[in-house]
Amino acid sequence: MSTAYQLPLAVAPILAFTQIAVNQGNVLLSEWDHYLGPANRPFGMQAWALEVDSQPIAVAISASTVSATAAGLERTTVVELARLCSHPAHRWATRPTLRLWREIAGPRWPYWRAVAAVAYSQNARHGGAIYRFDGWRRVTDNCGRSAGAGTWTKPRPTGERSRGRKSLWIWNYPTDEEIIA
């Protein structure tokens, strides 16, 4: 005996990882109180949202790096995870959003082919366990000086959210040869 299933006319996914407008991502960062606030860089950015029942529960912002190099690589060879934030009621979504960003969004960087993804974690806030558990490699834990300036051109004043030492994390994407092998 066979059972027939009737599909509904419109099927909305329960879970989705989608590209959204950067200004939409920035609104979510503000609403969810990301400690750095919105990503306001004057160059290439993309925003991605993890959605459950069409409602965003986490956001990731891709961007060009601020400095000319990161982890010894030129700006035009890497993509930075500039912001990662989850809704306060859905903190569990941070780790899957990081993985989805690394595997789906980072390689779709439209400005150039990224050979690696980089991210910075502020040492005073956390030790970077989220990156380490996801397989990223820490390049250094000494980005930025105590005055807050590192590769940036201006010292960060006391009280500025981005002030302080940071760790630089890297995820190397496979080369074409590694993918074929």
Protein backbone atom coordinates (compact mmCIF):
# COMPACT_ATOMS: atom_id res chain seq x y z
CA MET A 1 0.00 0.00 0.00
CA SER A 2 1.48 3.34 -0.99
CA THR A 3 0.96 6.57 0.85
CA ALA A 4 0.61 9.76 -1.17
CA TYR A 5 1.89 13.00 0.24
CA GLN A 6 0.50 16.31 -0.86
CA LEU A 7 3.00 19.14 -0.80
CA PRO A 8 1.84 22.57 0.26
CA LEU A 9 1.75 25.23 -2.45
CA ALA A 10 4.46 27.30 -0.78
CA VAL A 11 7.20 25.77 1.30
CA ALA A 12 9.32 28.06 3.44
CA PRO A 13 12.56 26.62 4.78
CA ILE A 14 12.80 26.06 8.51
CA LEU A 15 16.47 27.03 8.45
CA ALA A 16 18.32 29.24 5.96
CA PHE A 17 21.70 30.93 5.62
CA THR A 18 21.18 33.85 3.29
CA GLN A 19 22.87 36.98 2.10
CA ILE A 20 21.17 40.13 3.38
CA ALA A 21 21.80 43.84 2.86
CA VAL A 22 24.75 45.18 4.87
CA ASN A 23 22.57 47.88 6.42
CA GLN A 24 20.16 45.13 7.55
CA GLY A 25 23.08 43.25 9.15
CA ASN A 26 24.20 46.44 10.87
CA VAL A 27 20.73 47.01 12.29
CA LEU A 28 20.84 43.50 13.79
CA LEU A 29 24.31 44.12 15.23
CA SER A 30 22.95 47.25 16.94
CA GLU A 31 19.75 45.61 18.16
CA TRP A 32 21.69 42.66 19.55
CA ASP A 33 24.28 44.97 21.15
CA HIS A 34 27.46 43.72 19.44
CA TYR A 35 30.28 45.27 21.45
CA LEU A 36 31.87 46.85 18.34
CA GLY A 37 28.56 48.00 16.92
CA PRO A 38 27.84 48.15 13.19
CA ALA A 39 30.54 47.45 10.62
CA ASN A 40 31.20 50.83 9.02
CA ARG A 41 34.04 50.32 6.60
CA PRO A 42 34.34 52.40 3.45
CA PHE A 43 35.06 49.38 1.24
CA GLY A 44 33.68 45.97 0.29
CA MET A 45 31.35 44.22 2.73
CA GLN A 46 28.69 41.52 2.66
CA ALA A 47 26.20 40.47 5.32
CA TRP A 48 24.82 36.98 5.95
CA ALA A 49 22.04 35.85 8.28
CA LEU A 50 21.18 32.52 9.81
CA GLU A 51 17.39 32.42 9.87
CA VAL A 52 14.91 30.12 11.61
CA ASP A 53 11.35 30.32 10.32
CA SER A 54 12.42 33.33 8.19
CA GLN A 55 13.58 35.26 11.29
CA PRO A 56 17.28 36.17 11.63
CA ILE A 57 18.93 34.72 14.72
CA ALA A 58 22.60 35.35 13.84
CA VAL A 59 24.55 37.59 11.50
CA ALA A 60 28.04 37.53 9.99
CA ILE A 61 29.68 40.42 8.13
CA SER A 62 32.41 39.80 5.55
CA ALA A 63 34.78 42.66 4.76
CA SER A 64 38.08 43.64 3.24
CA THR A 65 40.78 43.90 5.89
CA VAL A 66 41.60 47.31 7.30
CA SER A 67 45.35 46.78 6.99
CA ALA A 68 47.21 46.11 3.74
CA THR A 69 48.25 42.68 5.04
CA ALA A 70 46.89 40.11 7.46
CA ALA A 71 48.72 36.96 8.53
CA GLY A 72 51.40 37.85 5.98
CA LEU A 73 48.87 37.83 3.14
CA GLU A 74 47.93 40.82 1.00
CA ARG A 75 44.52 42.38 1.50
CA THR A 76 43.46 41.25 -1.98
CA THR A 77 43.90 37.59 -1.08
CA VAL A 78 41.86 37.37 2.13
CA VAL A 79 38.36 38.01 3.39
CA GLU A 80 37.78 39.09 6.97
CA LEU A 81 34.98 37.97 9.23
CA ALA A 82 34.48 41.50 10.53
CA ARG A 83 31.45 40.79 12.75
CA LEU A 84 29.77 37.68 14.14
CA CYS A 85 26.78 38.05 16.43
CA SER A 86 23.76 36.07 17.55
CA HIS A 87 20.46 37.21 18.99
CA PRO A 88 20.72 37.11 22.81
CA ALA A 89 18.05 34.37 23.00
CA HIS A 90 19.92 32.26 20.43
CA ARG A 91 23.56 32.31 21.54
CA TRP A 92 23.81 28.66 20.42
CA ALA A 93 23.67 29.94 16.82
CA THR A 94 27.11 31.56 16.96
CA ARG A 95 29.08 28.35 16.28
CA PRO A 96 26.98 27.11 13.34
CA THR A 97 26.99 30.63 11.87
CA LEU A 98 30.78 30.73 12.07
CA ARG A 99 31.01 27.38 10.29
CA LEU A 100 28.49 28.37 7.63
CA TRP A 101 30.25 31.67 7.06
CA ARG A 102 33.62 29.92 6.73
CA GLU A 103 32.33 27.28 4.30
CA ILE A 104 29.65 29.18 2.36
CA ALA A 105 30.02 32.96 2.64
CA GLY A 106 33.80 33.42 2.79
CA PRO A 107 34.45 31.56 -0.48
CA ARG A 108 31.71 33.64 -2.17
CA TRP A 109 33.57 36.91 -1.55
CA PRO A 110 32.80 38.78 -4.79
CA TYR A 111 35.76 41.16 -4.91
CA TRP A 112 38.56 38.59 -5.39
CA ARG A 113 39.28 34.92 -4.82
CA ALA A 114 40.16 34.63 -1.15
CA VAL A 115 42.88 32.11 -0.36
CA ALA A 116 42.15 32.52 3.35
CA ALA A 117 39.68 33.92 5.83
CA VAL A 118 40.85 35.94 8.82
CA ALA A 119 39.19 37.09 12.01
CA TYR A 120 40.30 39.08 15.03
CA SER A 121 39.26 38.39 18.61
CA GLN A 122 39.77 40.90 21.37
CA ASN A 123 41.87 39.16 24.02
CA ALA A 124 40.23 40.94 26.95
CA ARG A 125 36.79 39.67 25.86
CA HIS A 126 37.54 36.04 25.03
CA GLY A 127 40.37 33.66 24.27
CA GLY A 128 39.17 32.79 20.78
CA ALA A 129 37.88 29.31 21.66
CA ILE A 130 35.13 29.60 19.04
CA TYR A 131 37.76 29.86 16.29
CA ARG A 132 40.03 27.21 17.79
CA PHE A 133 37.15 24.71 18.13
CA ASP A 134 36.19 25.39 14.51
CA GLY A 135 39.69 24.54 13.28
CA TRP A 136 41.07 28.03 12.71
CA ARG A 137 44.77 28.61 13.48
CA ARG A 138 45.89 31.46 15.72
CA VAL A 139 48.58 33.47 13.95
CA THR A 140 49.35 35.79 16.85
CA ASP A 141 47.80 37.07 20.05
CA ASN A 142 49.66 40.35 19.81
CA CYS A 143 47.75 42.44 17.28
CA GLY A 144 47.36 45.99 18.43
CA ARG A 145 49.47 47.69 21.05
CA SER A 146 48.37 48.63 24.52
CA ALA A 147 47.49 52.04 23.09
CA GLY A 148 45.22 50.23 20.68
CA ALA A 149 47.16 50.97 17.50
CA GLY A 150 48.59 48.10 15.56
CA THR A 151 48.25 47.95 11.85
CA TRP A 152 45.81 50.85 12.14
CA THR A 153 47.11 54.34 11.53
CA LYS A 154 45.68 56.02 14.61
CA PRO A 155 45.93 55.14 18.29
CA ARG A 156 42.64 54.06 19.85
CA PRO A 157 41.58 56.36 22.69
CA THR A 158 40.74 55.04 26.14
CA GLY A 159 37.20 53.72 26.18
CA GLU A 160 37.02 52.97 22.45
CA ARG A 161 35.54 49.52 21.94
CA SER A 162 38.22 48.33 19.51
CA ARG A 163 41.08 49.31 21.84
CA GLY A 164 43.40 46.62 23.15
CA ARG A 165 45.29 43.53 22.09
CA LYS A 166 43.71 41.13 19.65
CA SER A 167 44.40 37.67 18.35
CA LEU A 168 44.51 37.08 14.62
CA TRP A 169 42.96 33.82 13.40
CA ILE A 170 43.24 32.29 9.94
CA TRP A 171 41.41 29.64 7.96
CA ASN A 172 43.22 28.63 4.76
CA TYR A 173 40.97 27.66 1.88
CA PRO A 174 42.11 24.69 -0.20
CA THR A 175 43.89 25.44 -3.44
CA ASP A 176 42.44 24.26 -6.76
CA GLU A 177 45.02 21.46 -6.75
CA GLU A 178 43.94 20.32 -3.29
CA ILE A 179 40.29 20.33 -4.33
CA ILE A 180 40.98 18.18 -7.40
CA ALA A 181 43.17 15.68 -5.51
